[in-house]
PDB file of N, CA and C in Angstrom:
ATOM      1  N   MET A   1       0.853  -1.171   0.000  1.00  0.00           N
ATOM      2  CA  MET A   1       0.000   0.000   0.000  1.00  0.00           C
ATOM      3  C   MET A   1       0.898   1.234   0.000  1.00  0.00           C
ATOM      4  N   SER A   2       0.512   2.206  -0.797  1.00  0.00           N
ATOM      5  CA  SER A   2       1.289   3.434  -0.822  1.00  0.00           C
ATOM      6  C   SER A   2       0.408   4.607  -0.395  1.00  0.00           C
ATOM      7  N   LEU A   3       1.025   5.524   0.265  1.00  0.00           N
ATOM      8  CA  LEU A   3       0.324   6.710   0.748  1.00  0.00           C
ATOM      9  C   LEU A   3       0.317   7.748  -0.357  1.00  0.00           C
ATOM     10  N   VAL A   4      -0.848   8.231  -0.683  1.00  0.00           N
ATOM     11  CA  VAL A   4      -0.977   9.269  -1.699  1.00  0.00           C
ATOM     12  C   VAL A   4      -1.028  10.611  -0.977  1.00  0.00           C
ATOM     13  N   ILE A   5      -0.069  11.456  -1.270  1.00  0.00           N
ATOM     14  CA  ILE A   5      -0.013  12.770  -0.650  1.00  0.00           C
ATOM     15  C   ILE A   5      -0.440  13.803  -1.681  1.00  0.00           C
ATOM     16  N   GLU A   6      -1.466  14.515  -1.338  1.00  0.00           N
ATOM     17  CA  GLU A   6      -1.944  15.551  -2.241  1.00  0.00           C
ATOM     18  C   GLU A   6      -2.323  16.792  -1.447  1.00  0.00           C
ATOM     19  N   ALA A   7      -2.150  17.923  -2.077  1.00  0.00           N
ATOM     20  CA  ALA A   7      -2.467  19.196  -1.430  1.00  0.00           C
ATOM     21  C   ALA A   7      -3.979  19.376  -1.357  1.00  0.00           C
ATOM     22  N   GLU A   8      -4.435  19.876  -0.238  1.00  0.00           N
ATOM     23  CA  GLU A   8      -5.854  20.171  -0.067  1.00  0.00           C
ATOM     24  C   GLU A   8      -6.019  21.659   0.184  1.00  0.00           C
ATOM     25  N   SER A   9      -7.073  22.198  -0.384  1.00  0.00           N
ATOM     26  CA  SER A   9      -7.389  23.600  -0.138  1.00  0.00           C
ATOM     27  C   SER A   9      -7.971  23.734   1.260  1.00  0.00           C
ATOM     28  N   PRO A  10      -7.755  24.886   1.901  1.00  0.00           N
ATOM     29  CA  PRO A  10      -8.359  25.070   3.224  1.00  0.00           C
ATOM     30  C   PRO A  10      -9.875  25.126   3.082  1.00  0.00           C
ATOM     31  N   PRO A  11     -10.600  24.675   4.089  1.00  0.00           N
ATOM     32  CA  PRO A  11     -12.064  24.661   4.018  1.00  0.00           C
ATOM     33  C   PRO A  11     -12.654  26.047   4.259  1.00  0.00           C
ATOM     34  N   LEU A  12     -12.311  26.974   3.390  1.00  0.00           N
ATOM     35  CA  LEU A  12     -12.768  28.358   3.541  1.00  0.00           C
ATOM     36  C   LEU A  12     -13.495  28.785   2.278  1.00  0.00           C
ATOM     37  N   ARG A  13     -14.509  29.612   2.463  1.00  0.00           N
ATOM     38  CA  ARG A  13     -15.247  30.159   1.325  1.00  0.00           C
ATOM     39  C   ARG A  13     -15.683  31.575   1.655  1.00  0.00           C
ATOM     40  N   MET A  14     -15.850  32.372   0.634  1.00  0.00           N
ATOM     41  CA  MET A  14     -16.309  33.743   0.794  1.00  0.00           C
ATOM     42  C   MET A  14     -17.822  33.766   0.628  1.00  0.00           C
ATOM     43  N   SER A  15     -18.527  34.278   1.631  1.00  0.00           N
ATOM     44  CA  SER A  15     -19.989  34.368   1.545  1.00  0.00           C
ATOM     45  C   SER A  15     -20.377  35.563   0.687  1.00  0.00           C
ATOM     46  N   GLU A  16     -21.649  35.645   0.363  1.00  0.00           N
ATOM     47  CA  GLU A  16     -22.140  36.756  -0.455  1.00  0.00           C
ATOM     48  C   GLU A  16     -21.886  38.096   0.208  1.00  0.00           C
ATOM     49  N   GLY A  17     -21.896  38.129   1.525  1.00  0.00           N
ATOM     50  CA  GLY A  17     -21.676  39.370   2.256  1.00  0.00           C
ATOM     51  C   GLY A  17     -20.210  39.728   2.435  1.00  0.00           C
ATOM     52  N   GLY A  18     -19.307  38.933   1.844  1.00  0.00           N
ATOM     53  CA  GLY A  18     -17.888  39.224   1.940  1.00  0.00           C
ATOM     54  C   GLY A  18     -17.229  38.706   3.202  1.00  0.00           C
ATOM     55  N   VAL A  19     -17.900  37.778   3.895  1.00  0.00           N
ATOM     56  CA  VAL A  19     -17.362  37.194   5.119  1.00  0.00           C
ATOM     57  C   VAL A  19     -16.791  35.821   4.777  1.00  0.00           C
ATOM     58  N   VAL A  20     -15.581  35.546   5.254  1.00  0.00           N
ATOM     59  CA  VAL A  20     -14.992  34.234   5.024  1.00  0.00           C
ATOM     60  C   VAL A  20     -15.605  33.258   6.027  1.00  0.00           C
ATOM     61  N   ARG A  21     -16.186  32.175   5.508  1.00  0.00           N
ATOM     62  CA  ARG A  21     -16.846  31.153   6.323  1.00  0.00           C
ATOM     63  C   ARG A  21     -16.059  29.851   6.240  1.00  0.00           C
ATOM     64  N   VAL A  22     -16.235  29.008   7.244  1.00  0.00           N
ATOM     65  CA  VAL A  22     -15.535  27.734   7.317  1.00  0.00           C
ATOM     66  C   VAL A  22     -16.420  26.645   6.717  1.00  0.00           C
ATOM     67  N   GLY A  23     -15.914  25.996   5.676  1.00  0.00           N
ATOM     68  CA  GLY A  23     -16.627  24.909   5.025  1.00  0.00           C
ATOM     69  C   GLY A  23     -18.018  25.317   4.609  1.00  0.00           C
ATOM     70  N   GLY A  24     -18.966  24.425   4.799  1.00  0.00           N
ATOM     71  CA  GLY A  24     -20.348  24.714   4.448  1.00  0.00           C
ATOM     72  C   GLY A  24     -21.135  25.297   5.601  1.00  0.00           C
ATOM     73  N   THR A  25     -20.444  25.776   6.633  1.00  0.00           N
ATOM     74  CA  THR A  25     -21.116  26.310   7.819  1.00  0.00           C
ATOM     75  C   THR A  25     -21.254  27.818   7.740  1.00  0.00           C
ATOM     76  N   ARG A  26     -21.919  28.378   8.732  1.00  0.00           N
ATOM     77  CA  ARG A  26     -22.005  29.841   8.853  1.00  0.00           C
ATOM     78  C   ARG A  26     -20.961  30.370   9.828  1.00  0.00           C
ATOM     79  N   VAL A  27     -20.104  29.492  10.322  1.00  0.00           N
ATOM     80  CA  VAL A  27     -19.059  29.902  11.262  1.00  0.00           C
ATOM     81  C   VAL A  27     -18.017  30.703  10.488  1.00  0.00           C
ATOM     82  N   SER A  28     -17.682  31.877  11.013  1.00  0.00           N
ATOM     83  CA  SER A  28     -16.735  32.745  10.308  1.00  0.00           C
ATOM     84  C   SER A  28     -15.289  32.399  10.650  1.00  0.00           C
ATOM     85  N   LEU A  29     -14.418  32.730   9.722  1.00  0.00           N
ATOM     86  CA  LEU A  29     -12.979  32.597   9.953  1.00  0.00           C
ATOM     87  C   LEU A  29     -12.596  33.380  11.197  1.00  0.00           C
ATOM     88  N   ASP A  30     -13.193  34.550  11.364  1.00  0.00           N
ATOM     89  CA  ASP A  30     -12.923  35.411  12.518  1.00  0.00           C
ATOM     90  C   ASP A  30     -13.121  34.645  13.824  1.00  0.00           C
ATOM     91  N   SER A  31     -14.236  33.927  13.917  1.00  0.00           N
ATOM     92  CA  SER A  31     -14.572  33.216  15.153  1.00  0.00           C
ATOM     93  C   SER A  31     -13.511  32.187  15.515  1.00  0.00           C
ATOM     94  N   ILE A  32     -13.072  31.431  14.526  1.00  0.00           N
ATOM     95  CA  ILE A  32     -12.073  30.393  14.769  1.00  0.00           C
ATOM     96  C   ILE A  32     -10.741  31.020  15.165  1.00  0.00           C
ATOM     97  N   ILE A  33     -10.308  32.029  14.422  1.00  0.00           N
ATOM     98  CA  ILE A  33      -8.995  32.629  14.672  1.00  0.00           C
ATOM     99  C   ILE A  33      -8.977  33.388  15.992  1.00  0.00           C
ATOM    100  N   ILE A  34     -10.018  34.107  16.310  1.00  0.00           N
ATOM    101  CA  ILE A  34     -10.061  34.839  17.581  1.00  0.00           C
ATOM    102  C   ILE A  34      -9.986  33.858  18.753  1.00  0.00           C
ATOM    103  N   ALA A  35     -10.718  32.760  18.662  1.00  0.00           N
ATOM    104  CA  ALA A  35     -10.652  31.751  19.720  1.00  0.00           C
ATOM    105  C   ALA A  35      -9.233  31.199  19.837  1.00  0.00           C
ATOM    106  N   PHE A  36      -8.599  30.939  18.708  1.00  0.00           N
ATOM    107  CA  PHE A  36      -7.223  30.424  18.716  1.00  0.00           C
ATOM    108  C   PHE A  36      -6.269  31.456  19.324  1.00  0.00           C
ATOM    109  N   GLN A  37      -6.429  32.722  18.961  1.00  0.00           N
ATOM    110  CA  GLN A  37      -5.575  33.782  19.498  1.00  0.00           C
ATOM    111  C   GLN A  37      -5.760  33.945  21.000  1.00  0.00           C
ATOM    112  N   GLN A  38      -6.934  33.613  21.499  1.00  0.00           N
ATOM    113  CA  GLN A  38      -7.207  33.714  22.934  1.00  0.00           C
ATOM    114  C   GLN A  38      -6.690  32.498  23.693  1.00  0.00           C
ATOM    115  N   GLY A  39      -6.055  31.579  22.976  1.00  0.00           N
ATOM    116  CA  GLY A  39      -5.433  30.437  23.626  1.00  0.00           C
ATOM    117  C   GLY A  39      -6.230  29.150  23.606  1.00  0.00           C
ATOM    118  N   ASP A  40      -7.383  29.161  22.936  1.00  0.00           N
ATOM    119  CA  ASP A  40      -8.175  27.937  22.856  1.00  0.00           C
ATOM    120  C   ASP A  40      -7.482  26.922  21.949  1.00  0.00           C
ATOM    121  N   SER A  41      -7.549  25.673  22.333  1.00  0.00           N
ATOM    122  CA  SER A  41      -6.987  24.596  21.513  1.00  0.00           C
ATOM    123  C   SER A  41      -7.952  24.288  20.369  1.00  0.00           C
ATOM    124  N   PRO A  42      -7.463  23.674  19.297  1.00  0.00           N
ATOM    125  CA  PRO A  42      -8.379  23.272  18.226  1.00  0.00           C
ATOM    126  C   PRO A  42      -9.511  22.376  18.730  1.00  0.00           C
ATOM    127  N   GLU A  43      -9.226  21.501  19.677  1.00  0.00           N
ATOM    128  CA  GLU A  43     -10.269  20.641  20.234  1.00  0.00           C
ATOM    129  C   GLU A  43     -11.339  21.473  20.938  1.00  0.00           C
ATOM    130  N   SER A  44     -10.908  22.464  21.703  1.00  0.00           N
ATOM    131  CA  SER A  44     -11.841  23.342  22.397  1.00  0.00           C
ATOM    132  C   SER A  44     -12.665  24.155  21.396  1.00  0.00           C
ATOM    133  N   ILE A  45     -12.013  24.616  20.347  1.00  0.00           N
ATOM    134  CA  ILE A  45     -12.721  25.392  19.315  1.00  0.00           C
ATOM    135  C   ILE A  45     -13.773  24.519  18.641  1.00  0.00           C
ATOM    136  N   ALA A  46     -13.417  23.273  18.345  1.00  0.00           N
ATOM    137  CA  ALA A  46     -14.379  22.355  17.721  1.00  0.00           C
ATOM    138  C   ALA A  46     -15.570  22.113  18.642  1.00  0.00           C
ATOM    139  N   GLU A  47     -15.348  22.103  19.952  1.00  0.00           N
ATOM    140  CA  GLU A  47     -16.455  21.956  20.897  1.00  0.00           C
ATOM    141  C   GLU A  47     -17.347  23.198  20.900  1.00  0.00           C
ATOM    142  N   GLN A  48     -16.726  24.376  20.762  1.00  0.00           N
ATOM    143  CA  GLN A  48     -17.489  25.629  20.742  1.00  0.00           C
ATOM    144  C   GLN A  48     -18.342  25.751  19.481  1.00  0.00           C
ATOM    145  N   PHE A  49     -17.844  25.180  18.382  1.00  0.00           N
ATOM    146  CA  PHE A  49     -18.518  25.272  17.088  1.00  0.00           C
ATOM    147  C   PHE A  49     -18.752  23.860  16.548  1.00  0.00           C
ATOM    148  N   PRO A  50     -19.784  23.172  17.051  1.00  0.00           N
ATOM    149  CA  PRO A  50     -20.001  21.776  16.685  1.00  0.00           C
ATOM    150  C   PRO A  50     -20.216  21.539  15.190  1.00  0.00           C
ATOM    151  N   ALA A  51     -20.605  22.565  14.459  1.00  0.00           N
ATOM    152  CA  ALA A  51     -20.820  22.407  13.013  1.00  0.00           C
ATOM    153  C   ALA A  51     -19.501  22.265  12.252  1.00  0.00           C
ATOM    154  N   VAL A  52     -18.384  22.643  12.903  1.00  0.00           N
ATOM    155  CA  VAL A  52     -17.083  22.596  12.250  1.00  0.00           C
ATOM    156  C   VAL A  52     -16.323  21.358  12.730  1.00  0.00           C
ATOM    157  N   PRO A  53     -16.018  20.428  11.813  1.00  0.00           N
ATOM    158  CA  PRO A  53     -15.251  19.243  12.215  1.00  0.00           C
ATOM    159  C   PRO A  53     -13.856  19.625  12.720  1.00  0.00           C
ATOM    160  N   LEU A  54     -13.330  18.828  13.631  1.00  0.00           N
ATOM    161  CA  LEU A  54     -12.010  19.090  14.201  1.00  0.00           C
ATOM    162  C   LEU A  54     -10.945  19.228  13.115  1.00  0.00           C
ATOM    163  N   ALA A  55     -11.000  18.390  12.105  1.00  0.00           N
ATOM    164  CA  ALA A  55     -10.012  18.467  11.018  1.00  0.00           C
ATOM    165  C   ALA A  55     -10.067  19.826  10.325  1.00  0.00           C
ATOM    166  N   ASP A  56     -11.269  20.387  10.172  1.00  0.00           N
ATOM    167  CA  ASP A  56     -11.396  21.707   9.550  1.00  0.00           C
ATOM    168  C   ASP A  56     -10.826  22.796  10.451  1.00  0.00           C
ATOM    169  N   VAL A  57     -11.007  22.661  11.755  1.00  0.00           N
ATOM    170  CA  VAL A  57     -10.429  23.634  12.688  1.00  0.00           C
ATOM    171  C   VAL A  57      -8.904  23.615  12.542  1.00  0.00           C
ATOM    172  N   PHE A  58      -8.322  22.429  12.542  1.00  0.00           N
ATOM    173  CA  PHE A  58      -6.874  22.328  12.362  1.00  0.00           C
ATOM    174  C   PHE A  58      -6.446  22.925  11.025  1.00  0.00           C
ATOM    175  N   ALA A  59      -7.207  22.669   9.963  1.00  0.00           N
ATOM    176  CA  ALA A  59      -6.867  23.202   8.638  1.00  0.00           C
ATOM    177  C   ALA A  59      -6.924  24.724   8.629  1.00  0.00           C
ATOM    178  N   VAL A  60      -7.937  25.292   9.294  1.00  0.00           N
ATOM    179  CA  VAL A  60      -8.075  26.756   9.343  1.00  0.00           C
ATOM    180  C   VAL A  60      -6.938  27.367  10.153  1.00  0.00           C
ATOM    181  N   VAL A  61      -6.615  26.767  11.287  1.00  0.00           N
ATOM    182  CA  VAL A  61      -5.507  27.267  12.103  1.00  0.00           C
ATOM    183  C   VAL A  61      -4.201  27.153  11.324  1.00  0.00           C
ATOM    184  N   SER A  62      -4.006  26.054  10.627  1.00  0.00           N
ATOM    185  CA  SER A  62      -2.803  25.884   9.810  1.00  0.00           C
ATOM    186  C   SER A  62      -2.725  26.958   8.731  1.00  0.00           C
ATOM    187  N   TYR A  63      -3.856  27.222   8.076  1.00  0.00           N
ATOM    188  CA  TYR A  63      -3.893  28.277   7.055  1.00  0.00           C
ATOM    189  C   TYR A  63      -3.518  29.613   7.677  1.00  0.00           C
ATOM    190  N   TYR A  64      -4.075  29.901   8.832  1.00  0.00           N
ATOM    191  CA  TYR A  64      -3.758  31.152   9.534  1.00  0.00           C
ATOM    192  C   TYR A  64      -2.265  31.251   9.824  1.00  0.00           C
ATOM    193  N   LEU A  65      -1.683  30.180  10.346  1.00  0.00           N
ATOM    194  CA  LEU A  65      -0.263  30.209  10.700  1.00  0.00           C
ATOM    195  C   LEU A  65       0.629  30.372   9.473  1.00  0.00           C
ATOM    196  N   ARG A  66       0.191  29.875   8.335  1.00  0.00           N
ATOM    197  CA  ARG A  66       0.972  30.002   7.101  1.00  0.00           C
ATOM    198  C   ARG A  66       0.714  31.327   6.373  1.00  0.00           C
ATOM    199  N   HIS A  67      -0.390  31.967   6.657  1.00  0.00           N
ATOM    200  CA  HIS A  67      -0.775  33.217   5.977  1.00  0.00           C
ATOM    201  C   HIS A  67      -1.173  34.284   6.990  1.00  0.00           C
ATOM    202  N   ARG A  68      -0.389  34.371   8.031  1.00  0.00           N
ATOM    203  CA  ARG A  68      -0.742  35.243   9.154  1.00  0.00           C
ATOM    204  C   ARG A  68      -0.964  36.692   8.736  1.00  0.00           C
ATOM    205  N   ALA A  69      -0.079  37.250   7.934  1.00  0.00           N
ATOM    206  CA  ALA A  69      -0.199  38.664   7.550  1.00  0.00           C
ATOM    207  C   ALA A  69      -1.504  38.924   6.803  1.00  0.00           C
ATOM    208  N   GLU A  70      -1.846  38.048   5.865  1.00  0.00           N
ATOM    209  CA  GLU A  70      -3.068  38.237   5.090  1.00  0.00           C
ATOM    210  C   GLU A  70      -4.314  38.082   5.967  1.00  0.00           C
ATOM    211  N   VAL A  71      -4.311  37.089   6.837  1.00  0.00           N
ATOM    212  CA  VAL A  71      -5.472  36.875   7.710  1.00  0.00           C
ATOM    213  C   VAL A  71      -5.605  38.031   8.695  1.00  0.00           C
ATOM    214  N   GLU A  72      -4.485  38.487   9.256  1.00  0.00           N
ATOM    215  CA  GLU A  72      -4.534  39.625  10.184  1.00  0.00           C
ATOM    216  C   GLU A  72      -5.091  40.862   9.486  1.00  0.00           C
ATOM    217  N   ALA A  73      -4.673  41.098   8.234  1.00  0.00           N
ATOM    218  CA  ALA A  73      -5.187  42.241   7.476  1.00  0.00           C
ATOM    219  C   ALA A  73      -6.690  42.101   7.253  1.00  0.00           C
ATOM    220  N   TYR A  74      -7.134  40.890   6.940  1.00  0.00           N
ATOM    221  CA  TYR A  74      -8.568  40.634   6.766  1.00  0.00           C
ATOM    222  C   TYR A  74      -9.324  40.906   8.064  1.00  0.00           C
ATOM    223  N   LEU A  75      -8.768  40.449   9.191  1.00  0.00           N
ATOM    224  CA  LEU A  75      -9.428  40.668  10.483  1.00  0.00           C
ATOM    225  C   LEU A  75      -9.528  42.156  10.811  1.00  0.00           C
ATOM    226  N   VAL A  76      -8.498  42.912  10.487  1.00  0.00           N
ATOM    227  CA  VAL A  76      -8.530  44.365  10.719  1.00  0.00           C
ATOM    228  C   VAL A  76      -9.612  45.006   9.851  1.00  0.00           C
ATOM    229  N   GLU A  77      -9.692  44.598   8.587  1.00  0.00           N
ATOM    230  CA  GLU A  77     -10.734  45.121   7.697  1.00  0.00           C
ATOM    231  C   GLU A  77     -12.125  44.821   8.250  1.00  0.00           C
ATOM    232  N   ARG A  78     -12.318  43.600   8.729  1.00  0.00           N
ATOM    233  CA  ARG A  78     -13.615  43.212   9.279  1.00  0.00           C
ATOM    234  C   ARG A  78     -13.952  44.042  10.514  1.00  0.00           C
ATOM    235  N   GLU A  79     -12.967  44.255  11.384  1.00  0.00           N
ATOM    236  CA  GLU A  79     -13.199  45.051  12.593  1.00  0.00           C
ATOM    237  C   GLU A  79     -13.556  46.491  12.217  1.00  0.00           C
ATOM    238  N   GLN A  80     -12.879  47.050  11.220  1.00  0.00           N
ATOM    239  CA  GLN A  80     -13.180  48.413  10.777  1.00  0.00           C
ATOM    240  C   GLN A  80     -14.589  48.494  10.187  1.00  0.00           C
ATOM    241  N   ALA A  81     -14.981  47.489   9.425  1.00  0.00           N
ATOM    242  CA  ALA A  81     -16.319  47.466   8.842  1.00  0.00           C
ATOM    243  C   ALA A  81     -17.374  47.358   9.936  1.00  0.00           C
ATOM    244  N   GLU A  82     -17.118  46.529  10.939  1.00  0.00           N
ATOM    245  CA  GLU A  82     -18.055  46.390  12.056  1.00  0.00           C
ATOM    246  C   GLU A  82     -18.172  47.699  12.833  1.00  0.00           C
ATOM    247  N   GLU A  83     -17.057  48.370  13.035  1.00  0.00           N
ATOM    248  CA  GLU A  83     -17.074  49.651  13.751  1.00  0.00           C
ATOM    249  C   GLU A  83     -17.871  50.691  12.971  1.00  0.00           C
ATOM    250  N   ALA A  84     -17.736  50.700  11.653  1.00  0.00           N
ATOM    251  CA  ALA A  84     -18.494  51.638  10.824  1.00  0.00           C
ATOM    252  C   ALA A  84     -19.988  51.382  10.962  1.00  0.00           C
ATOM    253  N   VAL A  85     -20.395  50.120  10.992  1.00  0.00           N
ATOM    254  CA  VAL A  85     -21.807  49.772  11.159  1.00  0.00           C
ATOM    255  C   VAL A  85     -22.293  50.202  12.538  1.00  0.00           C
ATOM    256  N   ARG A  86     -21.470  49.968  13.569  1.00  0.00           N
ATOM    257  CA  ARG A  86     -21.861  50.390  14.926  1.00  0.00           C
ATOM    258  C   ARG A  86     -22.069  51.899  14.990  1.00  0.00           C
ATOM    259  N   LYS A  87     -21.160  52.658  14.375  1.00  0.00           N
ATOM    260  CA  LYS A  87     -21.293  54.124  14.382  1.00  0.00           C
ATOM    261  C   LYS A  87     -22.547  54.561  13.651  1.00  0.00           C
ATOM    262  N   LYS A  88     -22.810  53.931  12.512  1.00  0.00           N
ATOM    263  CA  LYS A  88     -23.988  54.283  11.730  1.00  0.00           C
ATOM    264  C   LYS A  88     -25.255  54.006  12.530  1.00  0.00           C
ATOM    265  N   CYS A  89     -25.300  52.873  13.212  1.00  0.00           N
ATOM    266  CA  CYS A  89     -26.468  52.535  14.043  1.00  0.00           C
ATOM    267  C   CYS A  89     -26.615  53.515  15.197  1.00  0.00           C
ATOM    268  N   ALA A  90     -25.492  53.878  15.814  1.00  0.00           N
ATOM    269  CA  ALA A  90     -25.537  54.810  16.943  1.00  0.00           C
ATOM    270  C   ALA A  90     -26.042  56.183  16.499  1.00  0.00           C
ATOM    271  N   GLU A  91     -25.661  56.599  15.283  1.00  0.00           N
ATOM    272  CA  GLU A  91     -26.131  57.881  14.761  1.00  0.00           C
ATOM    273  C   GLU A  91     -27.620  57.808  14.420  1.00  0.00           C
ATOM    274  N   ARG A  92     -28.021  56.690  13.859  1.00  0.00           N
ATOM    275  CA  ARG A  92     -29.404  56.547  13.431  1.00  0.00           C
ATOM    276  C   ARG A  92     -30.342  56.314  14.600  1.00  0.00           C
ATOM    277  N   PHE A  93     -29.863  55.592  15.606  1.00  0.00           N
ATOM    278  CA  PHE A  93     -30.673  55.269  16.772  1.00  0.00           C
ATOM    279  C   PHE A  93     -29.927  55.677  18.036  1.00  0.00           C
ATOM    280  N   PRO A  94     -29.917  56.980  18.339  1.00  0.00           N
ATOM    281  CA  PRO A  94     -29.165  57.438  19.508  1.00  0.00           C
ATOM    282  C   PRO A  94     -29.680  56.828  20.808  1.00  0.00           C
ATOM    283  N   GLN A  95     -28.766  56.535  21.705  1.00  0.00           N
ATOM    284  CA  GLN A  95     -29.112  55.890  22.973  1.00  0.00           C
ATOM    285  C   GLN A  95     -29.424  56.895  24.076  1.00  0.00           C
ATOM    286  N   GLU A  96     -29.045  58.155  23.890  1.00  0.00           N
ATOM    287  CA  GLU A  96     -29.280  59.159  24.921  1.00  0.00           C
ATOM    288  C   GLU A  96     -30.775  59.299  25.188  1.00  0.00           C
ATOM    289  N   GLY A  97     -31.149  59.190  26.437  1.00  0.00           N
ATOM    290  CA  GLY A  97     -32.531  59.366  26.830  1.00  0.00           C
ATOM    291  C   GLY A  97     -33.439  58.193  26.493  1.00  0.00           C
ATOM    292  N   LEU A  98     -32.873  57.121  25.974  1.00  0.00           N
ATOM    293  CA  LEU A  98     -33.680  55.976  25.563  1.00  0.00           C
ATOM    294  C   LEU A  98     -34.409  55.352  26.744  1.00  0.00           C
ATOM    295  N   ARG A  99     -33.700  55.178  27.843  1.00  0.00           N
ATOM    296  CA  ARG A  99     -34.329  54.570  29.024  1.00  0.00           C
ATOM    297  C   ARG A  99     -35.526  55.392  29.490  1.00  0.00           C
ATOM    298  N   GLU A 100     -35.342  56.712  29.523  1.00  0.00           N
ATOM    299  CA  GLU A 100     -36.427  57.586  29.964  1.00  0.00           C
ATOM    300  C   GLU A 100     -37.623  57.496  29.016  1.00  0.00           C
ATOM    301  N   LYS A 101     -37.358  57.441  27.706  1.00  0.00           N
ATOM    302  CA  LYS A 101     -38.440  57.328  26.725  1.00  0.00           C
ATOM    303  C   LYS A 101     -39.210  56.018  26.921  1.00  0.00           C
ATOM    304  N   LEU A 102     -38.479  54.939  27.136  1.00  0.00           N
ATOM    305  CA  LEU A 102     -39.124  53.643  27.325  1.00  0.00           C
ATOM    306  C   LEU A 102     -39.947  53.604  28.608  1.00  0.00           C
ATOM    307  N   LEU A 103     -39.395  54.181  29.683  1.00  0.00           N
ATOM    308  CA  LEU A 103     -40.143  54.231  30.940  1.00  0.00           C
ATOM    309  C   LEU A 103     -41.402  55.088  30.795  1.00  0.00           C
ATOM    310  N   ALA A 104     -41.290  56.200  30.090  1.00  0.00           N
ATOM    311  CA  ALA A 104     -42.451  57.071  29.884  1.00  0.00           C
ATOM    312  C   ALA A 104     -43.504  56.340  29.069  1.00  0.00           C
ATOM    313  N   ARG A 105     -43.091  55.604  28.040  1.00  0.00           N
ATOM    314  CA  ARG A 105     -44.037  54.852  27.219  1.00  0.00           C
ATOM    315  C   ARG A 105     -44.735  53.777  28.059  1.00  0.00           C
ATOM    316  N   ARG A 106     -43.957  53.087  28.896  1.00  0.00           N
ATOM    317  CA  ARG A 106     -44.539  52.053  29.733  1.00  0.00           C
ATOM    318  C   ARG A 106     -45.545  52.659  30.713  1.00  0.00           C
ATOM    319  N   ASN A 107     -45.190  53.798  31.297  1.00  0.00           N
ATOM    320  CA  ASN A 107     -46.092  54.455  32.243  1.00  0.00           C
ATOM    321  C   ASN A 107     -47.374  54.913  31.561  1.00  0.00           C
ATOM    322  N   SER A 108     -47.261  55.452  30.355  1.00  0.00           N
ATOM    323  CA  SER A 108     -48.461  55.926  29.644  1.00  0.00           C
ATOM    324  C   SER A 108     -49.342  54.749  29.244  1.00  0.00           C
ATOM    325  N   GLN A 109     -48.747  53.612  28.908  1.00  0.00           N
ATOM    326  CA  GLN A 109     -49.537  52.429  28.545  1.00  0.00           C
ATOM    327  C   GLN A 109     -50.213  51.822  29.759  1.00  0.00           C
ATOM    328  N   SER A 110     -49.546  51.867  30.902  1.00  0.00           N
ATOM    329  CA  SER A 110     -50.148  51.289  32.114  1.00  0.00           C
ATOM    330  C   SER A 110     -51.279  52.172  32.652  1.00  0.00           C
ATOM    331  N   GLN A 111     -51.254  53.465  32.324  1.00  0.00           N
ATOM    332  CA  GLN A 111     -52.302  54.377  32.782  1.00  0.00           C
ATOM    333  C   GLN A 111     -53.531  54.315  31.874  1.00  0.00           C
ATOM    334  N   SER A 112     -53.378  53.733  30.708  1.00  0.00           N
ATOM    335  CA  SER A 112     -54.496  53.664  29.756  1.00  0.00           C
ATOM    336  C   SER A 112     -55.464  52.560  30.083  1.00  0.00           C
TER     337      SER A 112
END
């Protein structure tokens, strides 16, 4: 018997929204890498994300370790995009006085 060694692509795909996902799941590359950066083992990460097989977690971590600069740049872009969305939401839906408005609405409804 002979061992056939062949290169495999990492189980990563780009979703329609521009988010890199792991395999056929909705788990993002960000989620796996952030957990790994926080010191979680691949086994622990696979437990956190049951939809992702352990082999895929190892493949994603391996891809990250081999392409660290590119993945880090992607993570920074994602964080900047998320921050822009947070700012836009904060401008559109200001939080100042929200509690008071909600309490006033509740009081007016209870008096009716």
